[in-house]
Amino acid sequence: MPIRETAAEDFAAITAMTNEVIVTTAIHFGYEPLADDELVALWRTQREDFPWLTLYEGSTVLGYAKAGTWRARAAYRWTCETTIYLAASARGKGFGMQLYNALLDACRARGFHSAIGGITLPNPASVVLHEQLGFASVGVVREAGSKFGTWHDVGFWQKML
């Protein structure tokens, strides 16, 4: 599947995809769906420093991946936090591996030294994806967030770029 830098016209699909995860899972700790302009505003402020990529087929957005600030202090500048979401119809087909590899390549090209993926647990598919990409588990924050009446741990995986 083709992958390109994210463009403004991708955000209706990106927001819908993210909102589906917000309202149906604990993977994203948001409680309320995002407004149409929230992610595009974030993209506009981050795109100079961090890659955002879109996986698509024809005119259909199948997924997106982005990097962002891991911590705000200057010394952390060369470590980024990564995020990936796929449409339900694109999951389990190897597209996550393709899209994530492209994101990691883009992070390397921008000079990042390491990438960190935070995973709400349990999420075996995301753990397997991260480990197949060479990320190593670096710790778990117990009961870091509560959603749908249940406390969830958040695990962190890191890859040196």
N, C-alpha and C. Protein backbone atom coordinates (compact mmCIF):
# COMPACT_ATOMS: atom_id res chain seq x y z
N MET A 1 0.83 -1.19 0.00
CA MET A 1 0.00 0.00 0.00
C MET A 1 0.88 1.25 0.00
N PRO A 2 0.46 2.28 -0.71
CA PRO A 2 1.24 3.52 -0.72
C PRO A 2 1.16 4.27 0.62
N ILE A 3 2.26 4.93 0.94
CA ILE A 3 2.36 5.75 2.14
C ILE A 3 2.89 7.11 1.71
N ARG A 4 2.33 8.17 2.25
CA ARG A 4 2.80 9.52 1.95
C ARG A 4 2.73 10.37 3.20
N GLU A 5 3.35 11.55 3.12
CA GLU A 5 3.21 12.50 4.22
C GLU A 5 1.74 12.87 4.35
N THR A 6 1.30 13.00 5.58
CA THR A 6 -0.09 13.35 5.84
C THR A 6 -0.39 14.73 5.28
N ALA A 7 -1.58 14.87 4.73
CA ALA A 7 -2.04 16.14 4.15
C ALA A 7 -3.35 16.55 4.83
N ALA A 8 -3.68 17.81 4.73
CA ALA A 8 -4.87 18.35 5.39
C ALA A 8 -6.14 17.57 5.01
N GLU A 9 -6.23 17.12 3.79
CA GLU A 9 -7.44 16.41 3.36
C GLU A 9 -7.58 15.02 3.98
N ASP A 10 -6.56 14.53 4.67
CA ASP A 10 -6.62 13.21 5.32
C ASP A 10 -7.36 13.25 6.66
N PHE A 11 -7.58 14.45 7.21
CA PHE A 11 -7.98 14.52 8.60
C PHE A 11 -9.42 14.14 8.90
N ALA A 12 -10.31 14.19 7.96
CA ALA A 12 -11.67 13.68 8.25
C ALA A 12 -11.58 12.19 8.54
N ALA A 13 -10.83 11.46 7.72
CA ALA A 13 -10.68 10.02 7.93
C ALA A 13 -9.84 9.72 9.16
N ILE A 14 -8.77 10.47 9.38
CA ILE A 14 -7.91 10.26 10.54
C ILE A 14 -8.68 10.50 11.83
N THR A 15 -9.47 11.55 11.88
CA THR A 15 -10.25 11.84 13.08
C THR A 15 -11.30 10.76 13.30
N ALA A 16 -11.98 10.32 12.25
CA ALA A 16 -12.98 9.25 12.39
C ALA A 16 -12.34 7.97 12.90
N MET A 17 -11.17 7.63 12.37
CA MET A 17 -10.46 6.44 12.79
C MET A 17 -10.07 6.52 14.26
N THR A 18 -9.55 7.67 14.67
CA THR A 18 -9.15 7.87 16.06
C THR A 18 -10.37 7.83 16.97
N ASN A 19 -11.46 8.46 16.56
CA ASN A 19 -12.66 8.47 17.38
C ASN A 19 -13.26 7.09 17.56
N GLU A 20 -13.16 6.26 16.55
CA GLU A 20 -13.65 4.87 16.68
C GLU A 20 -12.89 4.16 17.80
N VAL A 21 -11.58 4.39 17.87
CA VAL A 21 -10.77 3.78 18.92
C VAL A 21 -11.11 4.38 20.28
N ILE A 22 -11.32 5.69 20.33
CA ILE A 22 -11.66 6.36 21.60
C ILE A 22 -12.96 5.82 22.17
N VAL A 23 -13.99 5.69 21.36
CA VAL A 23 -15.31 5.33 21.90
C VAL A 23 -15.50 3.83 22.10
N THR A 24 -14.65 3.00 21.49
CA THR A 24 -14.88 1.55 21.59
C THR A 24 -13.80 0.79 22.35
N THR A 25 -12.67 1.45 22.67
CA THR A 25 -11.58 0.73 23.34
C THR A 25 -10.95 1.58 24.43
N ALA A 26 -10.10 0.95 25.21
CA ALA A 26 -9.29 1.67 26.20
C ALA A 26 -7.89 1.96 25.66
N ILE A 27 -7.63 1.63 24.40
CA ILE A 27 -6.32 1.86 23.81
C ILE A 27 -5.96 3.34 23.84
N HIS A 28 -6.91 4.18 23.56
CA HIS A 28 -6.74 5.64 23.63
C HIS A 28 -7.44 6.08 24.90
N PHE A 29 -6.76 6.87 25.74
CA PHE A 29 -7.33 7.25 27.03
C PHE A 29 -8.30 8.43 26.96
N GLY A 30 -8.56 8.95 25.77
CA GLY A 30 -9.58 9.98 25.66
C GLY A 30 -10.95 9.41 26.00
N TYR A 31 -11.78 10.23 26.62
CA TYR A 31 -13.15 9.81 26.94
C TYR A 31 -14.13 10.28 25.88
N GLU A 32 -13.88 11.43 25.30
CA GLU A 32 -14.81 12.04 24.35
C GLU A 32 -14.19 12.04 22.96
N PRO A 33 -15.01 11.86 21.92
CA PRO A 33 -14.48 11.94 20.56
C PRO A 33 -13.84 13.31 20.30
N LEU A 34 -12.86 13.31 19.44
CA LEU A 34 -12.17 14.55 19.07
C LEU A 34 -13.02 15.37 18.11
N ALA A 35 -12.92 16.67 18.22
CA ALA A 35 -13.56 17.55 17.24
C ALA A 35 -12.77 17.46 15.94
N ASP A 36 -13.41 17.79 14.85
CA ASP A 36 -12.78 17.67 13.53
C ASP A 36 -11.48 18.43 13.40
N ASP A 37 -11.33 19.53 14.11
CA ASP A 37 -10.13 20.35 13.93
C ASP A 37 -9.01 20.08 14.93
N GLU A 38 -9.23 19.22 15.93
CA GLU A 38 -8.21 19.01 16.96
C GLU A 38 -6.94 18.37 16.42
N LEU A 39 -7.06 17.29 15.69
CA LEU A 39 -5.86 16.62 15.17
C LEU A 39 -5.17 17.45 14.09
N VAL A 40 -5.93 18.11 13.25
CA VAL A 40 -5.30 18.94 12.22
C VAL A 40 -4.52 20.09 12.86
N ALA A 41 -5.03 20.64 13.96
CA ALA A 41 -4.31 21.70 14.66
C ALA A 41 -3.00 21.17 15.25
N LEU A 42 -3.04 19.97 15.82
CA LEU A 42 -1.82 19.36 16.35
C LEU A 42 -0.82 19.11 15.23
N TRP A 43 -1.28 18.58 14.13
CA TRP A 43 -0.43 18.32 12.96
C TRP A 43 0.24 19.61 12.48
N ARG A 44 -0.53 20.67 12.41
CA ARG A 44 0.03 21.94 11.94
C ARG A 44 1.14 22.45 12.85
N THR A 45 1.03 22.20 14.15
CA THR A 45 2.08 22.67 15.07
C THR A 45 3.27 21.72 15.13
N GLN A 46 3.08 20.46 14.76
CA GLN A 46 4.15 19.46 14.89
C GLN A 46 4.86 19.09 13.59
N ARG A 47 4.26 19.30 12.46
CA ARG A 47 4.76 18.72 11.22
C ARG A 47 6.15 19.19 10.82
N GLU A 48 6.60 20.33 11.31
CA GLU A 48 7.96 20.78 11.00
C GLU A 48 9.00 19.93 11.72
N ASP A 49 8.66 19.46 12.91
CA ASP A 49 9.62 18.72 13.74
C ASP A 49 9.41 17.21 13.73
N PHE A 50 8.19 16.77 13.49
CA PHE A 50 7.86 15.35 13.61
C PHE A 50 7.13 14.84 12.36
N PRO A 51 7.45 13.62 11.93
CA PRO A 51 6.75 13.06 10.78
C PRO A 51 5.34 12.59 11.11
N TRP A 52 4.44 12.80 10.18
CA TRP A 52 3.09 12.25 10.18
C TRP A 52 2.93 11.59 8.81
N LEU A 53 2.52 10.33 8.78
CA LEU A 53 2.40 9.58 7.52
C LEU A 53 1.01 8.97 7.40
N THR A 54 0.54 8.86 6.17
CA THR A 54 -0.77 8.30 5.89
C THR A 54 -0.63 7.12 4.93
N LEU A 55 -1.28 6.02 5.27
CA LEU A 55 -1.38 4.83 4.42
C LEU A 55 -2.71 4.90 3.71
N TYR A 56 -2.70 4.70 2.42
CA TYR A 56 -3.95 4.86 1.68
C TYR A 56 -4.04 3.88 0.52
N GLU A 57 -5.25 3.71 0.03
CA GLU A 57 -5.51 2.95 -1.19
C GLU A 57 -6.53 3.75 -1.98
N GLY A 58 -6.12 4.19 -3.16
CA GLY A 58 -6.98 5.09 -3.93
C GLY A 58 -7.18 6.37 -3.15
N SER A 59 -8.43 6.70 -2.87
CA SER A 59 -8.72 7.90 -2.07
C SER A 59 -9.10 7.55 -0.63
N THR A 60 -8.92 6.28 -0.24
CA THR A 60 -9.31 5.83 1.09
C THR A 60 -8.10 5.79 2.02
N VAL A 61 -8.21 6.48 3.15
CA VAL A 61 -7.18 6.44 4.18
C VAL A 61 -7.37 5.16 4.99
N LEU A 62 -6.32 4.34 5.04
CA LEU A 62 -6.37 3.08 5.77
C LEU A 62 -5.69 3.14 7.13
N GLY A 63 -4.85 4.17 7.32
CA GLY A 63 -4.17 4.29 8.60
C GLY A 63 -3.27 5.50 8.61
N TYR A 64 -2.78 5.81 9.79
CA TYR A 64 -1.81 6.89 9.91
C TYR A 64 -0.87 6.58 11.06
N ALA A 65 0.31 7.16 10.98
CA ALA A 65 1.32 7.02 12.03
C ALA A 65 1.96 8.38 12.22
N LYS A 66 2.30 8.68 13.46
CA LYS A 66 2.91 9.97 13.73
C LYS A 66 3.91 9.85 14.86
N ALA A 67 4.83 10.79 14.88
CA ALA A 67 5.73 10.93 16.01
C ALA A 67 5.42 12.26 16.67
N GLY A 68 5.77 12.36 17.93
CA GLY A 68 5.53 13.60 18.67
C GLY A 68 6.47 13.70 19.84
N THR A 69 6.27 14.73 20.61
CA THR A 69 7.11 15.00 21.77
C THR A 69 6.94 13.90 22.81
N TRP A 70 8.07 13.36 23.28
CA TRP A 70 8.00 12.40 24.38
C TRP A 70 8.03 13.14 25.71
N ARG A 71 8.96 14.05 25.88
CA ARG A 71 9.05 14.91 27.05
C ARG A 71 9.47 16.29 26.56
N ALA A 72 9.10 17.34 27.29
CA ALA A 72 9.28 18.70 26.79
C ALA A 72 10.67 19.30 27.00
N ARG A 73 11.43 18.83 27.95
CA ARG A 73 12.74 19.46 28.22
C ARG A 73 13.70 19.24 27.05
N ALA A 74 14.60 20.18 26.86
CA ALA A 74 15.50 20.19 25.70
C ALA A 74 16.32 18.92 25.56
N ALA A 75 16.76 18.33 26.64
CA ALA A 75 17.60 17.14 26.57
C ALA A 75 16.88 15.94 25.95
N TYR A 76 15.55 15.95 25.99
CA TYR A 76 14.75 14.85 25.43
C TYR A 76 14.46 15.03 23.94
N ARG A 77 14.93 16.09 23.34
CA ARG A 77 14.59 16.47 21.96
C ARG A 77 14.80 15.33 20.97
N TRP A 78 15.75 14.45 21.22
CA TRP A 78 16.10 13.42 20.23
C TRP A 78 15.42 12.09 20.46
N THR A 79 14.46 12.07 21.39
CA THR A 79 13.60 10.91 21.60
C THR A 79 12.18 11.34 21.28
N CYS A 80 11.49 10.54 20.49
CA CYS A 80 10.10 10.86 20.12
C CYS A 80 9.18 9.74 20.59
N GLU A 81 7.91 10.08 20.73
CA GLU A 81 6.89 9.09 21.03
C GLU A 81 6.11 8.83 19.76
N THR A 82 5.82 7.57 19.49
CA THR A 82 5.18 7.18 18.25
C THR A 82 3.75 6.70 18.48
N THR A 83 2.93 6.88 17.45
CA THR A 83 1.53 6.46 17.49
C THR A 83 1.16 5.91 16.12
N ILE A 84 0.36 4.86 16.11
CA ILE A 84 -0.14 4.31 14.86
C ILE A 84 -1.58 3.85 15.05
N TYR A 85 -2.42 4.15 14.06
CA TYR A 85 -3.79 3.67 14.04
C TYR A 85 -4.12 3.18 12.64
N LEU A 86 -4.82 2.06 12.59
CA LEU A 86 -5.30 1.51 11.32
C LEU A 86 -6.81 1.41 11.35
N ALA A 87 -7.43 1.59 10.20
CA ALA A 87 -8.86 1.35 10.07
C ALA A 87 -9.11 -0.13 10.36
N ALA A 88 -10.27 -0.44 10.89
CA ALA A 88 -10.59 -1.83 11.22
C ALA A 88 -10.39 -2.76 10.01
N SER A 89 -10.72 -2.28 8.83
CA SER A 89 -10.61 -3.11 7.62
C SER A 89 -9.16 -3.38 7.21
N ALA A 90 -8.22 -2.63 7.76
CA ALA A 90 -6.81 -2.77 7.38
C ALA A 90 -5.99 -3.54 8.41
N ARG A 91 -6.58 -3.89 9.53
CA ARG A 91 -5.83 -4.56 10.59
C ARG A 91 -5.58 -6.03 10.26
N GLY A 92 -4.42 -6.54 10.73
CA GLY A 92 -4.09 -7.95 10.56
C GLY A 92 -3.61 -8.32 9.17
N LYS A 93 -3.23 -7.33 8.37
CA LYS A 93 -2.81 -7.59 6.98
C LYS A 93 -1.36 -7.18 6.71
N GLY A 94 -0.63 -6.83 7.76
CA GLY A 94 0.76 -6.42 7.59
C GLY A 94 0.95 -4.94 7.30
N PHE A 95 -0.14 -4.20 7.20
CA PHE A 95 -0.02 -2.77 6.89
C PHE A 95 0.58 -1.99 8.05
N GLY A 96 0.32 -2.44 9.28
CA GLY A 96 0.89 -1.77 10.45
C GLY A 96 2.41 -1.82 10.42
N MET A 97 2.96 -2.96 10.09
CA MET A 97 4.41 -3.12 9.99
C MET A 97 4.97 -2.20 8.90
N GLN A 98 4.32 -2.16 7.76
CA GLN A 98 4.76 -1.31 6.64
C GLN A 98 4.73 0.17 7.04
N LEU A 99 3.62 0.59 7.62
CA LEU A 99 3.45 2.00 8.00
C LEU A 99 4.42 2.39 9.12
N TYR A 100 4.56 1.52 10.12
CA TYR A 100 5.43 1.83 11.24
C TYR A 100 6.90 1.89 10.80
N ASN A 101 7.31 0.97 9.92
CA ASN A 101 8.68 1.03 9.39
C ASN A 101 8.94 2.35 8.67
N ALA A 102 7.97 2.80 7.90
CA ALA A 102 8.11 4.08 7.20
C ALA A 102 8.24 5.23 8.21
N LEU A 103 7.45 5.17 9.29
CA LEU A 103 7.55 6.20 10.32
C LEU A 103 8.92 6.19 10.98
N LEU A 104 9.43 5.02 11.31
CA LEU A 104 10.75 4.93 11.94
C LEU A 104 11.84 5.44 11.00
N ASP A 105 11.73 5.13 9.72
CA ASP A 105 12.69 5.67 8.74
C ASP A 105 12.63 7.19 8.71
N ALA A 106 11.42 7.74 8.75
CA ALA A 106 11.27 9.20 8.74
C ALA A 106 11.82 9.82 10.02
N CYS A 107 11.67 9.14 11.14
CA CYS A 107 12.23 9.63 12.40
C CYS A 107 13.76 9.64 12.34
N ARG A 108 14.34 8.56 11.80
CA ARG A 108 15.80 8.50 11.63
C ARG A 108 16.27 9.65 10.74
N ALA A 109 15.57 9.87 9.65
CA ALA A 109 15.96 10.91 8.70
C ALA A 109 15.92 12.30 9.34
N ARG A 110 15.09 12.47 10.36
CA ARG A 110 15.01 13.76 11.06
C ARG A 110 15.97 13.84 12.23
N GLY A 111 16.77 12.82 12.41
CA GLY A 111 17.81 12.85 13.42
C GLY A 111 17.43 12.35 14.79
N PHE A 112 16.26 11.70 14.92
CA PHE A 112 15.89 11.18 16.23
C PHE A 112 16.80 10.00 16.60
N HIS A 113 17.11 9.89 17.88
CA HIS A 113 18.00 8.86 18.41
C HIS A 113 17.22 7.63 18.90
N SER A 114 16.01 7.85 19.41
CA SER A 114 15.19 6.72 19.85
C SER A 114 13.72 7.06 19.72
N ALA A 115 12.92 6.00 19.69
CA ALA A 115 11.46 6.13 19.61
C ALA A 115 10.84 5.34 20.75
N ILE A 116 9.78 5.88 21.31
CA ILE A 116 9.08 5.22 22.42
C ILE A 116 7.62 5.03 22.03
N GLY A 117 7.15 3.82 22.21
CA GLY A 117 5.74 3.50 22.02
C GLY A 117 5.11 3.21 23.36
N GLY A 118 4.05 3.92 23.69
CA GLY A 118 3.29 3.65 24.90
C GLY A 118 2.07 2.82 24.52
N ILE A 119 1.85 1.72 25.23
CA ILE A 119 0.78 0.79 24.87
C ILE A 119 -0.12 0.56 26.09
N THR A 120 -1.40 0.89 25.95
CA THR A 120 -2.37 0.55 26.99
C THR A 120 -2.49 -0.96 27.00
N LEU A 121 -2.38 -1.54 28.18
CA LEU A 121 -2.40 -3.00 28.31
C LEU A 121 -3.73 -3.46 28.89
N PRO A 122 -4.23 -4.61 28.46
CA PRO A 122 -3.63 -5.50 27.50
C PRO A 122 -3.89 -5.06 26.05
N ASN A 123 -2.93 -5.29 25.20
CA ASN A 123 -3.04 -5.03 23.77
C ASN A 123 -2.00 -5.91 23.07
N PRO A 124 -2.26 -7.22 23.02
CA PRO A 124 -1.27 -8.15 22.49
C PRO A 124 -0.85 -7.85 21.05
N ALA A 125 -1.76 -7.38 20.21
CA ALA A 125 -1.40 -7.10 18.82
C ALA A 125 -0.37 -5.98 18.74
N SER A 126 -0.53 -4.94 19.55
CA SER A 126 0.42 -3.83 19.54
C SER A 126 1.77 -4.25 20.14
N VAL A 127 1.74 -5.06 21.18
CA VAL A 127 2.99 -5.56 21.77
C VAL A 127 3.76 -6.36 20.73
N VAL A 128 3.09 -7.27 20.03
CA VAL A 128 3.75 -8.09 19.01
C VAL A 128 4.31 -7.20 17.91
N LEU A 129 3.55 -6.23 17.44
CA LEU A 129 4.02 -5.32 16.40
C LEU A 129 5.29 -4.60 16.84
N HIS A 130 5.27 -4.02 18.02
CA HIS A 130 6.45 -3.30 18.51
C HIS A 130 7.66 -4.22 18.63
N GLU A 131 7.45 -5.41 19.17
CA GLU A 131 8.58 -6.32 19.33
C GLU A 131 9.10 -6.83 17.99
N GLN A 132 8.23 -7.06 17.03
CA GLN A 132 8.68 -7.45 15.69
C GLN A 132 9.49 -6.35 15.02
N LEU A 133 9.22 -5.11 15.38
CA LEU A 133 9.95 -3.97 14.83
C LEU A 133 11.24 -3.67 15.58
N GLY A 134 11.54 -4.47 16.62
CA GLY A 134 12.78 -4.30 17.35
C GLY A 134 12.68 -3.42 18.59
N PHE A 135 11.48 -3.05 18.99
CA PHE A 135 11.31 -2.32 20.24
C PHE A 135 11.50 -3.29 21.40
N ALA A 136 12.03 -2.80 22.51
CA ALA A 136 12.20 -3.59 23.72
C ALA A 136 11.36 -2.98 24.83
N SER A 137 10.77 -3.84 25.64
CA SER A 137 10.00 -3.37 26.79
C SER A 137 10.94 -2.70 27.77
N VAL A 138 10.57 -1.48 28.20
CA VAL A 138 11.41 -0.75 29.16
C VAL A 138 10.67 -0.43 30.45
N GLY A 139 9.44 -0.90 30.58
CA GLY A 139 8.74 -0.71 31.84
C GLY A 139 7.24 -0.58 31.70
N VAL A 140 6.57 -0.73 32.82
CA VAL A 140 5.12 -0.65 32.87
C VAL A 140 4.72 0.27 34.03
N VAL A 141 3.83 1.19 33.75
CA VAL A 141 3.24 2.02 34.80
C VAL A 141 1.90 1.36 35.14
N ARG A 142 1.79 0.89 36.35
CA ARG A 142 0.60 0.16 36.79
C ARG A 142 -0.57 1.12 37.01
N GLU A 143 -1.74 0.66 36.54
CA GLU A 143 -3.00 1.39 36.73
C GLU A 143 -2.84 2.88 36.42
N ALA A 144 -2.26 3.16 35.26
CA ALA A 144 -1.97 4.54 34.85
C ALA A 144 -3.21 5.31 34.45
N GLY A 145 -4.23 4.61 34.00
CA GLY A 145 -5.45 5.29 33.57
C GLY A 145 -6.67 4.41 33.78
N SER A 146 -7.81 5.07 33.94
CA SER A 146 -9.06 4.36 34.12
C SER A 146 -10.00 4.71 32.98
N LYS A 147 -10.53 3.67 32.35
CA LYS A 147 -11.50 3.88 31.28
C LYS A 147 -12.48 2.72 31.28
N PHE A 148 -13.73 3.03 31.05
CA PHE A 148 -14.81 2.03 31.05
C PHE A 148 -14.86 1.28 32.38
N GLY A 149 -14.54 1.97 33.47
CA GLY A 149 -14.65 1.39 34.80
C GLY A 149 -13.54 0.42 35.17
N THR A 150 -12.47 0.41 34.39
CA THR A 150 -11.36 -0.50 34.65
C THR A 150 -10.04 0.26 34.63
N TRP A 151 -9.16 -0.08 35.56
CA TRP A 151 -7.82 0.50 35.56
C TRP A 151 -6.97 -0.23 34.53
N HIS A 152 -6.14 0.54 33.81
CA HIS A 152 -5.28 -0.04 32.77
C HIS A 152 -3.82 0.35 33.01
N ASP A 153 -2.97 -0.64 32.85
CA ASP A 153 -1.53 -0.39 32.87
C ASP A 153 -1.12 0.19 31.52
N VAL A 154 0.00 0.91 31.51
CA VAL A 154 0.59 1.40 30.26
C VAL A 154 2.03 0.90 30.23
N GLY A 155 2.34 0.13 29.18
CA GLY A 155 3.70 -0.34 28.97
C GLY A 155 4.41 0.56 28.00
N PHE A 156 5.73 0.64 28.16
CA PHE A 156 6.54 1.45 27.26
C PHE A 156 7.57 0.57 26.59
N TRP A 157 7.68 0.73 25.28
CA TRP A 157 8.64 0.01 24.46
C TRP A 157 9.52 1.04 23.78
N GLN A 158 10.81 0.75 23.67
CA GLN A 158 11.75 1.71 23.09
C GLN A 158 12.58 1.04 22.00
N LYS A 159 12.85 1.80 20.97
CA LYS A 159 13.73 1.35 19.88
C LYS A 159 14.79 2.40 19.65
N MET A 160 16.04 1.98 19.65
CA MET A 160 17.12 2.89 19.32
C MET A 160 17.16 3.01 17.80
N LEU A 161 17.22 4.22 17.32
CA LEU A 161 17.18 4.45 15.88
C LEU A 161 18.59 4.58 15.32
